PDB file of N, CA and C in Angstrom:
ATOM      1  N   UNK A   1     -24.084 -43.344  -7.438  1.00  0.00           N
ATOM      2  CA  UNK A   1     -24.324 -42.409  -8.507  1.00  0.00           C
ATOM      3  C   UNK A   1     -24.815 -41.078  -7.939  1.00  0.00           C
ATOM      4  N   UNK A   2     -24.329 -39.956  -8.495  1.00  0.00           N
ATOM      5  CA  UNK A   2     -24.685 -38.632  -8.005  1.00  0.00           C
ATOM      6  C   UNK A   2     -26.014 -38.157  -8.568  1.00  0.00           C
ATOM      7  N   UNK A   3     -26.671 -37.361  -7.754  1.00  0.00           N
ATOM      8  CA  UNK A   3     -27.916 -36.760  -8.221  1.00  0.00           C
ATOM      9  C   UNK A   3     -27.612 -35.385  -8.806  1.00  0.00           C
ATOM     10  N   UNK A   4     -28.637 -34.776  -9.394  1.00  0.00           N
ATOM     11  CA  UNK A   4     -28.465 -33.446  -9.997  1.00  0.00           C
ATOM     12  C   UNK A   4     -28.150 -32.394  -8.941  1.00  0.00           C
ATOM     13  N   UNK A   5     -28.691 -32.538  -7.737  1.00  0.00           N
ATOM     14  CA  UNK A   5     -28.451 -31.558  -6.681  1.00  0.00           C
ATOM     15  C   UNK A   5     -26.993 -31.557  -6.253  1.00  0.00           C
ATOM     16  N   UNK A   6     -26.371 -32.723  -6.189  1.00  0.00           N
ATOM     17  CA  UNK A   6     -24.959 -32.803  -5.805  1.00  0.00           C
ATOM     18  C   UNK A   6     -24.082 -32.121  -6.845  1.00  0.00           C
ATOM     19  N   UNK A   7     -24.418 -32.284  -8.127  1.00  0.00           N
ATOM     20  CA  UNK A   7     -23.674 -31.598  -9.175  1.00  0.00           C
ATOM     21  C   UNK A   7     -23.833 -30.083  -9.069  1.00  0.00           C
ATOM     22  N   UNK A   8     -25.042 -29.614  -8.750  1.00  0.00           N
ATOM     23  CA  UNK A   8     -25.286 -28.191  -8.599  1.00  0.00           C
ATOM     24  C   UNK A   8     -24.488 -27.607  -7.448  1.00  0.00           C
ATOM     25  N   UNK A   9     -24.391 -28.333  -6.331  1.00  0.00           N
ATOM     26  CA  UNK A   9     -23.610 -27.858  -5.182  1.00  0.00           C
ATOM     27  C   UNK A   9     -22.145 -27.721  -5.552  1.00  0.00           C
ATOM     28  N   UNK A  10     -21.632 -28.695  -6.274  1.00  0.00           N
ATOM     29  CA  UNK A  10     -20.231 -28.658  -6.670  1.00  0.00           C
ATOM     30  C   UNK A  10     -19.969 -27.486  -7.621  1.00  0.00           C
ATOM     31  N   UNK A  11     -20.902 -27.258  -8.558  1.00  0.00           N
ATOM     32  CA  UNK A  11     -20.747 -26.159  -9.510  1.00  0.00           C
ATOM     33  C   UNK A  11     -20.782 -24.804  -8.818  1.00  0.00           C
ATOM     34  N   UNK A  12     -21.642 -24.636  -7.830  1.00  0.00           N
ATOM     35  CA  UNK A  12     -21.724 -23.366  -7.113  1.00  0.00           C
ATOM     36  C   UNK A  12     -20.439 -23.058  -6.364  1.00  0.00           C
ATOM     37  N   UNK A  13     -19.834 -24.076  -5.786  1.00  0.00           N
ATOM     38  CA  UNK A  13     -18.579 -23.852  -5.054  1.00  0.00           C
ATOM     39  C   UNK A  13     -17.464 -23.444  -6.004  1.00  0.00           C
ATOM     40  N   UNK A  14     -17.421 -24.037  -7.176  1.00  0.00           N
ATOM     41  CA  UNK A  14     -16.358 -23.703  -8.114  1.00  0.00           C
ATOM     42  C   UNK A  14     -16.550 -22.310  -8.716  1.00  0.00           C
ATOM     43  N   UNK A  15     -17.806 -21.800  -8.720  1.00  0.00           N
ATOM     44  CA  UNK A  15     -18.057 -20.468  -9.249  1.00  0.00           C
ATOM     45  C   UNK A  15     -17.673 -19.363  -8.283  1.00  0.00           C
ATOM     46  N   UNK A  16     -17.484 -19.673  -7.007  1.00  0.00           N
ATOM     47  CA  UNK A  16     -17.098 -18.650  -6.049  1.00  0.00           C
ATOM     48  C   UNK A  16     -18.227 -18.240  -5.142  1.00  0.00           C
ATOM     49  N   UNK A  17     -19.029 -19.163  -4.690  1.00  0.00           N
ATOM     50  CA  UNK A  17     -20.144 -18.841  -3.818  1.00  0.00           C
ATOM     51  C   UNK A  17     -19.737 -18.515  -2.395  1.00  0.00           C
ATOM     52  N   UNK A  18     -18.639 -19.072  -1.910  1.00  0.00           N
ATOM     53  CA  UNK A  18     -18.206 -18.874  -0.522  1.00  0.00           C
ATOM     54  C   UNK A  18     -17.066 -17.875  -0.473  1.00  0.00           C
ATOM     55  N   UNK A  19     -17.396 -16.582  -0.416  1.00  0.00           N
ATOM     56  CA  UNK A  19     -16.366 -15.543  -0.425  1.00  0.00           C
ATOM     57  C   UNK A  19     -15.643 -15.432   0.902  1.00  0.00           C
ATOM     58  N   UNK A  20     -16.340 -15.674   2.027  1.00  0.00           N
ATOM     59  CA  UNK A  20     -15.693 -15.479   3.314  1.00  0.00           C
ATOM     60  C   UNK A  20     -14.600 -16.518   3.586  1.00  0.00           C
ATOM     61  N   UNK A  21     -14.634 -17.635   2.922  1.00  0.00           N
ATOM     62  CA  UNK A  21     -13.627 -18.664   3.125  1.00  0.00           C
ATOM     63  C   UNK A  21     -12.390 -18.452   2.272  1.00  0.00           C
ATOM     64  N   UNK A  22     -12.535 -17.734   1.162  1.00  0.00           N
ATOM     65  CA  UNK A  22     -11.465 -17.663   0.181  1.00  0.00           C
ATOM     66  C   UNK A  22     -10.374 -16.666   0.504  1.00  0.00           C
ATOM     67  N   UNK A  23     -10.724 -15.508   0.974  1.00  0.00           N
ATOM     68  CA  UNK A  23      -9.682 -14.504   1.177  1.00  0.00           C
ATOM     69  C   UNK A  23     -10.254 -13.195   1.639  1.00  0.00           C
ATOM     70  N   UNK A  24      -9.521 -12.151   1.348  1.00  0.00           N
ATOM     71  CA  UNK A  24      -9.848 -10.831   1.860  1.00  0.00           C
ATOM     72  C   UNK A  24     -11.014 -10.170   1.147  1.00  0.00           C
ATOM     73  N   UNK A  25     -11.207 -10.478  -0.103  1.00  0.00           N
ATOM     74  CA  UNK A  25     -12.283  -9.837  -0.835  1.00  0.00           C
ATOM     75  C   UNK A  25     -11.799  -8.597  -1.561  1.00  0.00           C
ATOM     76  N   UNK A  26     -12.731  -7.731  -1.904  1.00  0.00           N
ATOM     77  CA  UNK A  26     -12.420  -6.552  -2.700  1.00  0.00           C
ATOM     78  C   UNK A  26     -12.082  -5.378  -1.792  1.00  0.00           C
ATOM     79  N   UNK A  27     -10.956  -4.758  -2.040  1.00  0.00           N
ATOM     80  CA  UNK A  27     -10.559  -3.572  -1.286  1.00  0.00           C
ATOM     81  C   UNK A  27     -10.639  -2.361  -2.217  1.00  0.00           C
ATOM     82  N   UNK A  28     -11.081  -1.233  -1.682  1.00  0.00           N
ATOM     83  CA  UNK A  28     -11.196  -0.029  -2.482  1.00  0.00           C
ATOM     84  C   UNK A  28      -9.810   0.507  -2.826  1.00  0.00           C
ATOM     85  N   UNK A  29      -9.639   0.961  -4.043  1.00  0.00           N
ATOM     86  CA  UNK A  29      -8.356   1.463  -4.520  1.00  0.00           C
ATOM     87  C   UNK A  29      -8.022   2.772  -3.817  1.00  0.00           C
ATOM     88  N   UNK A  30      -6.794   2.875  -3.320  1.00  0.00           N
ATOM     89  CA  UNK A  30      -6.373   4.112  -2.668  1.00  0.00           C
ATOM     90  C   UNK A  30      -6.068   5.175  -3.719  1.00  0.00           C
ATOM     91  N   UNK A  31      -6.272   6.401  -3.343  1.00  0.00           N
ATOM     92  CA  UNK A  31      -6.014   7.524  -4.243  1.00  0.00           C
ATOM     93  C   UNK A  31      -4.733   8.205  -3.784  1.00  0.00           C
ATOM     94  N   UNK A  32      -3.932   8.612  -4.727  1.00  0.00           N
ATOM     95  CA  UNK A  32      -2.687   9.315  -4.416  1.00  0.00           C
ATOM     96  C   UNK A  32      -3.022  10.613  -3.696  1.00  0.00           C
ATOM     97  N   UNK A  33      -2.463  10.801  -2.510  1.00  0.00           N
ATOM     98  CA  UNK A  33      -2.805  11.998  -1.733  1.00  0.00           C
ATOM     99  C   UNK A  33      -2.261  13.268  -2.359  1.00  0.00           C
ATOM    100  N   UNK A  34      -1.212  13.149  -3.135  1.00  0.00           N
ATOM    101  CA  UNK A  34      -0.637  14.338  -3.780  1.00  0.00           C
ATOM    102  C   UNK A  34      -1.429  14.718  -5.029  1.00  0.00           C
ATOM    103  N   UNK A  35      -2.009  13.740  -5.708  1.00  0.00           N
ATOM    104  CA  UNK A  35      -2.860  14.043  -6.860  1.00  0.00           C
ATOM    105  C   UNK A  35      -4.209  14.573  -6.395  1.00  0.00           C
ATOM    106  N   UNK A  36      -4.722  14.046  -5.285  1.00  0.00           N
ATOM    107  CA  UNK A  36      -6.020  14.476  -4.779  1.00  0.00           C
ATOM    108  C   UNK A  36      -5.967  15.907  -4.257  1.00  0.00           C
ATOM    109  N   UNK A  37      -4.872  16.256  -3.559  1.00  0.00           N
ATOM    110  CA  UNK A  37      -4.724  17.600  -3.009  1.00  0.00           C
ATOM    111  C   UNK A  37      -3.606  18.302  -3.780  1.00  0.00           C
ATOM    112  N   UNK A  38      -3.984  19.164  -4.697  1.00  0.00           N
ATOM    113  CA  UNK A  38      -3.000  19.819  -5.566  1.00  0.00           C
ATOM    114  C   UNK A  38      -2.082  20.783  -4.803  1.00  0.00           C
ATOM    115  N   UNK A  39      -2.498  21.222  -3.609  1.00  0.00           N
ATOM    116  CA  UNK A  39      -1.671  22.160  -2.837  1.00  0.00           C
ATOM    117  C   UNK A  39      -0.509  21.480  -2.137  1.00  0.00           C
ATOM    118  N   UNK A  40      -0.627  20.177  -1.852  1.00  0.00           N
ATOM    119  CA  UNK A  40       0.453  19.479  -1.142  1.00  0.00           C
ATOM    120  C   UNK A  40       1.549  19.091  -2.126  1.00  0.00           C
ATOM    121  N   UNK A  41       2.780  19.281  -1.690  1.00  0.00           N
ATOM    122  CA  UNK A  41       3.945  18.949  -2.507  1.00  0.00           C
ATOM    123  C   UNK A  41       4.846  18.007  -1.734  1.00  0.00           C
ATOM    124  N   UNK A  42       5.656  17.259  -2.458  1.00  0.00           N
ATOM    125  CA  UNK A  42       6.641  16.385  -1.843  1.00  0.00           C
ATOM    126  C   UNK A  42       7.875  17.221  -1.556  1.00  0.00           C
ATOM    127  N   UNK A  43       8.255  17.290  -0.274  1.00  0.00           N
ATOM    128  CA  UNK A  43       9.408  18.092   0.112  1.00  0.00           C
ATOM    129  C   UNK A  43      10.230  17.303   1.119  1.00  0.00           C
ATOM    130  N   UNK A  44      11.535  17.221   0.911  1.00  0.00           N
ATOM    131  CA  UNK A  44      12.370  16.433   1.812  1.00  0.00           C
ATOM    132  C   UNK A  44      12.474  17.056   3.197  1.00  0.00           C
ATOM    133  N   UNK A  45      12.156  18.344   3.328  1.00  0.00           N
ATOM    134  CA  UNK A  45      12.234  19.012   4.633  1.00  0.00           C
ATOM    135  C   UNK A  45      10.978  18.797   5.477  1.00  0.00           C
ATOM    136  N   UNK A  46       9.927  18.265   4.877  1.00  0.00           N
ATOM    137  CA  UNK A  46       8.663  18.039   5.577  1.00  0.00           C
ATOM    138  C   UNK A  46       8.648  16.630   6.165  1.00  0.00           C
ATOM    139  N   UNK A  47       9.143  16.497   7.392  1.00  0.00           N
ATOM    140  CA  UNK A  47       9.247  15.185   8.040  1.00  0.00           C
ATOM    141  C   UNK A  47       7.887  14.593   8.365  1.00  0.00           C
ATOM    142  N   UNK A  48       6.916  15.446   8.671  1.00  0.00           N
ATOM    143  CA  UNK A  48       5.586  14.959   9.044  1.00  0.00           C
ATOM    144  C   UNK A  48       4.925  14.210   7.887  1.00  0.00           C
ATOM    145  N   UNK A  49       5.119  14.699   6.675  1.00  0.00           N
ATOM    146  CA  UNK A  49       4.539  14.032   5.508  1.00  0.00           C
ATOM    147  C   UNK A  49       5.305  12.769   5.166  1.00  0.00           C
ATOM    148  N   UNK A  50       6.615  12.823   5.248  1.00  0.00           N
ATOM    149  CA  UNK A  50       7.438  11.677   4.849  1.00  0.00           C
ATOM    150  C   UNK A  50       7.327  10.498   5.813  1.00  0.00           C
ATOM    151  N   UNK A  51       6.955  10.754   7.063  1.00  0.00           N
ATOM    152  CA  UNK A  51       6.895   9.640   8.027  1.00  0.00           C
ATOM    153  C   UNK A  51       5.804   8.638   7.681  1.00  0.00           C
ATOM    154  N   UNK A  52       4.784   9.049   6.896  1.00  0.00           N
ATOM    155  CA  UNK A  52       3.732   8.128   6.483  1.00  0.00           C
ATOM    156  C   UNK A  52       4.211   7.140   5.422  1.00  0.00           C
ATOM    157  N   UNK A  53       5.321   7.438   4.791  1.00  0.00           N
ATOM    158  CA  UNK A  53       5.828   6.593   3.719  1.00  0.00           C
ATOM    159  C   UNK A  53       7.062   5.801   4.126  1.00  0.00           C
ATOM    160  N   UNK A  54       7.363   5.768   5.417  1.00  0.00           N
ATOM    161  CA  UNK A  54       8.504   5.013   5.930  1.00  0.00           C
ATOM    162  C   UNK A  54       8.010   4.113   7.055  1.00  0.00           C
ATOM    163  N   UNK A  55       8.450   2.855   7.066  1.00  0.00           N
ATOM    164  CA  UNK A  55       8.060   1.948   8.138  1.00  0.00           C
ATOM    165  C   UNK A  55       8.832   2.288   9.407  1.00  0.00           C
ATOM    166  N   UNK A  56       8.452   1.646  10.489  1.00  0.00           N
ATOM    167  CA  UNK A  56       9.156   1.895  11.751  1.00  0.00           C
ATOM    168  C   UNK A  56      10.585   1.364  11.722  1.00  0.00           C
ATOM    169  N   UNK A  57      10.880   0.468  10.802  1.00  0.00           N
ATOM    170  CA  UNK A  57      12.247  -0.017  10.633  1.00  0.00           C
ATOM    171  C   UNK A  57      13.070   0.878   9.709  1.00  0.00           C
ATOM    172  N   UNK A  58      12.413   1.823   9.015  1.00  0.00           N
ATOM    173  CA  UNK A  58      13.128   2.745   8.158  1.00  0.00           C
ATOM    174  C   UNK A  58      13.045   2.427   6.677  1.00  0.00           C
ATOM    175  N   UNK A  59      12.217   1.465   6.287  1.00  0.00           N
ATOM    176  CA  UNK A  59      12.092   1.101   4.878  1.00  0.00           C
ATOM    177  C   UNK A  59      11.010   1.944   4.210  1.00  0.00           C
ATOM    178  N   UNK A  60      11.202   2.243   2.934  1.00  0.00           N
ATOM    179  CA  UNK A  60      10.228   3.011   2.173  1.00  0.00           C
ATOM    180  C   UNK A  60       9.047   2.102   1.828  1.00  0.00           C
ATOM    181  N   UNK A  61       7.846   2.570   2.102  1.00  0.00           N
ATOM    182  CA  UNK A  61       6.637   1.786   1.846  1.00  0.00           C
ATOM    183  C   UNK A  61       6.379   1.745   0.345  1.00  0.00           C
ATOM    184  N   UNK A  62       6.091   0.554  -0.214  1.00  0.00           N
ATOM    185  CA  UNK A  62       5.886   0.453  -1.658  1.00  0.00           C
ATOM    186  C   UNK A  62       4.613   1.139  -2.126  1.00  0.00           C
ATOM    187  N   UNK A  63       4.570   1.362  -3.397  1.00  0.00           N
ATOM    188  CA  UNK A  63       3.478   2.107  -4.024  1.00  0.00           C
ATOM    189  C   UNK A  63       2.137   1.396  -3.892  1.00  0.00           C
ATOM    190  N   UNK A  64       2.120   0.078  -3.977  1.00  0.00           N
ATOM    191  CA  UNK A  64       0.863  -0.656  -3.911  1.00  0.00           C
ATOM    192  C   UNK A  64       0.224  -0.557  -2.542  1.00  0.00           C
ATOM    193  N   UNK A  65       1.026  -0.292  -1.515  1.00  0.00           N
ATOM    194  CA  UNK A  65       0.501  -0.145  -0.157  1.00  0.00           C
ATOM    195  C   UNK A  65       0.187   1.317   0.150  1.00  0.00           C
ATOM    196  N   UNK A  66       1.072   2.219  -0.250  1.00  0.00           N
ATOM    197  CA  UNK A  66       0.861   3.635   0.065  1.00  0.00           C
ATOM    198  C   UNK A  66      -0.245   4.251  -0.784  1.00  0.00           C
ATOM    199  N   UNK A  67      -0.453   3.727  -1.996  1.00  0.00           N
ATOM    200  CA  UNK A  67      -1.499   4.258  -2.860  1.00  0.00           C
ATOM    201  C   UNK A  67      -1.053   5.428  -3.712  1.00  0.00           C
ATOM    202  N   UNK A  68       0.226   5.726  -3.715  1.00  0.00           N
ATOM    203  CA  UNK A  68       0.729   6.836  -4.541  1.00  0.00           C
ATOM    204  C   UNK A  68       0.750   6.442  -6.013  1.00  0.00           C
ATOM    205  N   UNK A  69       0.657   7.447  -6.871  1.00  0.00           N
ATOM    206  CA  UNK A  69       0.859   7.187  -8.291  1.00  0.00           C
ATOM    207  C   UNK A  69       2.364   7.047  -8.527  1.00  0.00           C
ATOM    208  N   UNK A  70       2.749   6.574  -9.703  1.00  0.00           N
ATOM    209  CA  UNK A  70       4.158   6.311  -9.986  1.00  0.00           C
ATOM    210  C   UNK A  70       5.005   7.580  -9.906  1.00  0.00           C
ATOM    211  N   UNK A  71       4.473   8.672 -10.422  1.00  0.00           N
ATOM    212  CA  UNK A  71       5.200   9.936 -10.422  1.00  0.00           C
ATOM    213  C   UNK A  71       5.499  10.402  -8.996  1.00  0.00           C
ATOM    214  N   UNK A  72       4.486  10.380  -8.149  1.00  0.00           N
ATOM    215  CA  UNK A  72       4.679  10.863  -6.787  1.00  0.00           C
ATOM    216  C   UNK A  72       5.433   9.859  -5.919  1.00  0.00           C
ATOM    217  N   UNK A  73       5.333   8.558  -6.220  1.00  0.00           N
ATOM    218  CA  UNK A  73       6.112   7.584  -5.460  1.00  0.00           C
ATOM    219  C   UNK A  73       7.601   7.774  -5.698  1.00  0.00           C
ATOM    220  N   UNK A  74       7.969   8.069  -6.932  1.00  0.00           N
ATOM    221  CA  UNK A  74       9.386   8.351  -7.218  1.00  0.00           C
ATOM    222  C   UNK A  74       9.839   9.614  -6.502  1.00  0.00           C
ATOM    223  N   UNK A  75       8.982  10.624  -6.472  1.00  0.00           N
ATOM    224  CA  UNK A  75       9.316  11.874  -5.778  1.00  0.00           C
ATOM    225  C   UNK A  75       9.435  11.646  -4.270  1.00  0.00           C
ATOM    226  N   UNK A  76       8.552  10.823  -3.716  1.00  0.00           N
ATOM    227  CA  UNK A  76       8.611  10.513  -2.279  1.00  0.00           C
ATOM    228  C   UNK A  76       9.894   9.762  -1.962  1.00  0.00           C
ATOM    229  N   UNK A  77      10.241   8.780  -2.781  1.00  0.00           N
ATOM    230  CA  UNK A  77      11.471   8.007  -2.551  1.00  0.00           C
ATOM    231  C   UNK A  77      12.700   8.905  -2.621  1.00  0.00           C
ATOM    232  N   UNK A  78      12.720   9.800  -3.586  1.00  0.00           N
ATOM    233  CA  UNK A  78      13.835  10.742  -3.726  1.00  0.00           C
ATOM    234  C   UNK A  78      13.913  11.674  -2.511  1.00  0.00           C
ATOM    235  N   UNK A  79      12.768  12.142  -2.041  1.00  0.00           N
ATOM    236  CA  UNK A  79      12.735  13.045  -0.885  1.00  0.00           C
ATOM    237  C   UNK A  79      13.182  12.325   0.386  1.00  0.00           C
ATOM    238  N   UNK A  80      12.783  11.076   0.542  1.00  0.00           N
ATOM    239  CA  UNK A  80      13.200  10.304   1.727  1.00  0.00           C
ATOM    240  C   UNK A  80      14.709  10.104   1.715  1.00  0.00           C
ATOM    241  N   UNK A  81      15.248   9.780   0.548  1.00  0.00           N
ATOM    242  CA  UNK A  81      16.693   9.570   0.452  1.00  0.00           C
ATOM    243  C   UNK A  81      17.461  10.859   0.723  1.00  0.00           C
ATOM    244  N   UNK A  82      16.949  11.990   0.249  1.00  0.00           N
ATOM    245  CA  UNK A  82      17.601  13.276   0.528  1.00  0.00           C
ATOM    246  C   UNK A  82      17.511  13.625   2.005  1.00  0.00           C
ATOM    247  N   UNK A  83      16.357  13.355   2.612  1.00  0.00           N
ATOM    248  CA  UNK A  83      16.185  13.641   4.043  1.00  0.00           C
ATOM    249  C   UNK A  83      17.101  12.773   4.886  1.00  0.00           C
ATOM    250  N   UNK A  84      17.367  11.567   4.445  1.00  0.00           N
ATOM    251  CA  UNK A  84      18.311  10.696   5.169  1.00  0.00           C
ATOM    252  C   UNK A  84      19.726  11.252   5.108  1.00  0.00           C
ATOM    253  N   UNK A  85      20.121  11.744   3.940  1.00  0.00           N
ATOM    254  CA  UNK A  85      21.476  12.279   3.780  1.00  0.00           C
ATOM    255  C   UNK A  85      21.663  13.520   4.640  1.00  0.00           C
ATOM    256  N   UNK A  86      20.631  14.346   4.760  1.00  0.00           N
ATOM    257  CA  UNK A  86      20.705  15.572   5.547  1.00  0.00           C
ATOM    258  C   UNK A  86      20.441  15.293   7.030  1.00  0.00           C
ATOM    259  N   UNK A  87      20.210  14.047   7.375  1.00  0.00           N
ATOM    260  CA  UNK A  87      19.983  13.591   8.768  1.00  0.00           C
ATOM    261  C   UNK A  87      18.662  14.063   9.365  1.00  0.00           C
ATOM    262  N   UNK A  88      17.649  14.230   8.522  1.00  0.00           N
ATOM    263  CA  UNK A  88      16.327  14.540   9.034  1.00  0.00           C
ATOM    264  C   UNK A  88      15.558  13.258   9.382  1.00  0.00           C
ATOM    265  N   UNK A  89      15.863  12.200   8.663  1.00  0.00           N
ATOM    266  CA  UNK A  89      15.252  10.881   8.875  1.00  0.00           C
ATOM    267  C   UNK A  89      16.376   9.876   9.042  1.00  0.00           C
ATOM    268  N   UNK A  90      16.272   8.946   9.989  1.00  0.00           N
ATOM    269  CA  UNK A  90      17.338   7.937  10.135  1.00  0.00           C
ATOM    270  C   UNK A  90      17.350   6.938   8.980  1.00  0.00           C
ATOM    271  N   UNK A  91      18.522   6.425   8.677  1.00  0.00           N
ATOM    272  CA  UNK A  91      18.645   5.403   7.632  1.00  0.00           C
ATOM    273  C   UNK A  91      17.981   4.112   8.096  1.00  0.00           C
ATOM    274  N   UNK A  92      18.217   3.728   9.329  1.00  0.00           N
ATOM    275  CA  UNK A  92      17.584   2.555   9.888  1.00  0.00           C
ATOM    276  C   UNK A  92      17.400   2.751  11.388  1.00  0.00           C
ATOM    277  N   UNK A  93      16.475   2.009  11.947  1.00  0.00           N
ATOM    278  CA  UNK A  93      16.211   2.090  13.376  1.00  0.00           C
ATOM    279  C   UNK A  93      16.642   0.783  14.001  1.00  0.00           C
ATOM    280  N   UNK A  94      17.571   0.862  14.928  1.00  0.00           N
ATOM    281  CA  UNK A  94      18.079  -0.352  15.568  1.00  0.00           C
ATOM    282  C   UNK A  94      17.106  -0.828  16.630  1.00  0.00           C
ATOM    283  N   UNK A  95      16.841  -2.116  16.638  1.00  0.00           N
ATOM    284  CA  UNK A  95      15.951  -2.706  17.629  1.00  0.00           C
ATOM    285  C   UNK A  95      16.767  -2.980  18.899  1.00  0.00           C
ATOM    286  N   UNK A  96      16.286  -2.507  20.011  1.00  0.00           N
ATOM    287  CA  UNK A  96      17.048  -2.612  21.251  1.00  0.00           C
ATOM    288  C   UNK A  96      16.609  -3.633  22.191  1.00  0.00           C
TER     289      UNK A  96
END
């Protein structure tokens, strides 16, 4: 038969007492860099800005990772696609 202390231990574990075992924890929400800095604009000719939103394989980084708002993520995706067509950014990077 269980004692009251054993029940309390079980209840504490189910409430979430051990955070380090469960996962990553709370991460601070990223702020859209274009909303934060009103002077910066999304431009397909600006390769330095666009490289932060493309992986080394050439894929566009999703909004949940980049921290962009929906409006600016669409603008970034459009700018990356235009830069690819004009050959400023490669479509894909071949692994050698």
